[in-house]
Amino acid sequence: MGKHHSSTRHSAGSVEGHSGVINLFYEGLGQTVPAANLVAYNAACAGGDSGAAVFVDGTATVAGLHAGGIQEAARSVCTPVQLIFDSFGLTL
C-alpha cells in the first residue's frame, strides 16, 4: 500500500491486518476516539495526513482513506474505500 499527502509525501508499506476496534488519539480533539473496521498498515504518518488516499502500491487503485496512526506501534490505519462508498450509497 502507499499513501501520498503533503505532510509525509509518499509513504509505502504493507497491510498488517484488519481490526475490530482501535482507540486512536486525535490531537485536534485532545482525546482518544474508538474506531472500527480499519485496516492497519506499516507506513509512516504525521499530523495532517488524515484523509489522504491510500493506494494499492504501484497502481492508481484507491484502497482506502488514511484515518490515523498508532505511534507506539509505528503503524497507520485507513478506512477501506468500499465502506465509505457503501455509507454514501456510491458506486463506480
Protein backbone atom coordinates (compact mmCIF):
# COMPACT_ATOMS: atom_id res chain seq x y z
CA MET A 1 0.00 0.00 0.00
CA GLY A 2 1.12 3.55 -0.48
CA LYS A 3 -0.11 6.91 0.81
CA HIS A 4 0.61 10.35 -0.56
CA HIS A 5 -0.03 13.54 1.40
CA SER A 6 1.62 16.90 1.81
CA SER A 7 2.77 16.09 5.37
CA THR A 8 4.68 12.87 4.71
CA ARG A 9 4.81 12.86 0.90
CA HIS A 10 4.79 9.26 -0.35
CA SER A 11 4.86 6.51 2.27
CA ALA A 12 4.88 2.85 1.30
CA GLY A 13 4.04 -0.11 3.49
CA SER A 14 2.25 -3.42 3.65
CA VAL A 15 -1.07 -4.48 5.15
CA GLU A 16 -0.73 -5.66 8.73
CA GLY A 17 -4.32 -6.75 9.28
CA HIS A 18 -7.96 -5.76 9.67
CA SER A 19 -9.07 -4.52 13.07
CA GLY A 20 -12.00 -4.84 15.36
CA VAL A 21 -11.87 -1.61 17.36
CA ILE A 22 -8.75 0.56 17.73
CA ASN A 23 -8.52 3.53 20.07
CA LEU A 24 -6.90 6.45 18.23
CA PHE A 25 -5.72 9.66 19.89
CA TYR A 26 -6.63 12.77 17.90
CA GLU A 27 -4.55 15.79 18.86
CA GLY A 28 -7.08 18.24 17.43
CA LEU A 29 -9.76 16.79 19.69
CA GLY A 30 -7.40 16.18 22.59
CA GLN A 31 -8.98 12.80 23.21
CA THR A 32 -8.97 9.14 22.27
CA VAL A 33 -11.71 8.01 19.90
CA PRO A 34 -12.69 4.37 19.25
CA ALA A 35 -12.68 3.43 15.56
CA ALA A 36 -13.85 0.16 13.98
CA ASN A 37 -13.33 -1.65 10.67
CA LEU A 38 -9.92 -0.18 9.93
CA VAL A 39 -7.04 -1.72 8.01
CA ALA A 40 -3.64 -1.44 9.71
CA TYR A 41 -0.58 -0.93 7.51
CA ASN A 42 3.06 -0.25 8.33
CA ALA A 43 3.71 3.15 6.72
CA ALA A 44 4.92 6.41 8.23
CA CYS A 45 2.35 9.07 9.06
CA ALA A 46 2.20 12.53 10.57
CA GLY A 47 -0.39 15.02 11.72
CA GLY A 48 -2.34 16.32 8.74
CA ASP A 49 -2.26 13.02 6.82
CA SER A 50 -5.87 12.13 7.67
CA GLY A 51 -8.00 11.85 4.57
CA ALA A 52 -5.08 11.05 2.26
CA ALA A 53 -5.78 8.41 -0.34
CA VAL A 54 -4.17 5.04 0.38
CA PHE A 55 -3.33 3.28 -2.88
CA VAL A 56 -2.63 -0.30 -3.83
CA ASP A 57 1.12 0.18 -4.29
CA GLY A 58 2.23 0.71 -7.86
CA THR A 59 -1.32 1.37 -9.12
CA ALA A 60 -3.90 4.15 -9.23
CA THR A 61 -6.38 1.97 -7.29
CA VAL A 62 -7.56 3.61 -4.06
CA ALA A 63 -7.78 1.06 -1.23
CA GLY A 64 -8.92 3.47 1.47
CA LEU A 65 -8.54 6.81 3.22
CA HIS A 66 -5.88 7.36 5.87
CA ALA A 67 -7.55 7.70 9.27
CA GLY A 68 -4.68 7.91 11.76
CA GLY A 69 -1.63 6.32 13.22
CA ILE A 70 -0.69 4.14 16.15
CA GLN A 71 2.55 5.83 17.17
CA GLU A 72 3.69 3.29 19.77
CA ALA A 73 3.31 0.53 17.16
CA ALA A 74 4.66 2.60 14.20
CA ARG A 75 1.59 1.73 12.13
CA SER A 76 -1.03 3.63 10.18
CA VAL A 77 -4.71 2.81 9.74
CA CYS A 78 -7.12 3.50 6.90
CA THR A 79 -10.82 3.14 6.29
CA PRO A 80 -11.47 0.77 3.36
CA VAL A 81 -12.86 2.78 0.44
CA GLN A 82 -15.73 0.30 -0.07
CA LEU A 83 -17.06 1.12 3.44
CA ILE A 84 -17.08 4.80 2.51
CA PHE A 85 -18.85 4.11 -0.80
CA ASP A 86 -21.43 1.91 0.97
CA SER A 87 -22.08 4.58 3.64
CA PHE A 88 -22.92 7.17 0.99
CA GLY A 89 -24.59 4.83 -1.50
CA LEU A 90 -21.84 5.40 -4.08
CA THR A 91 -20.86 3.07 -6.91
CA LEU A 92 -18.26 3.17 -9.65
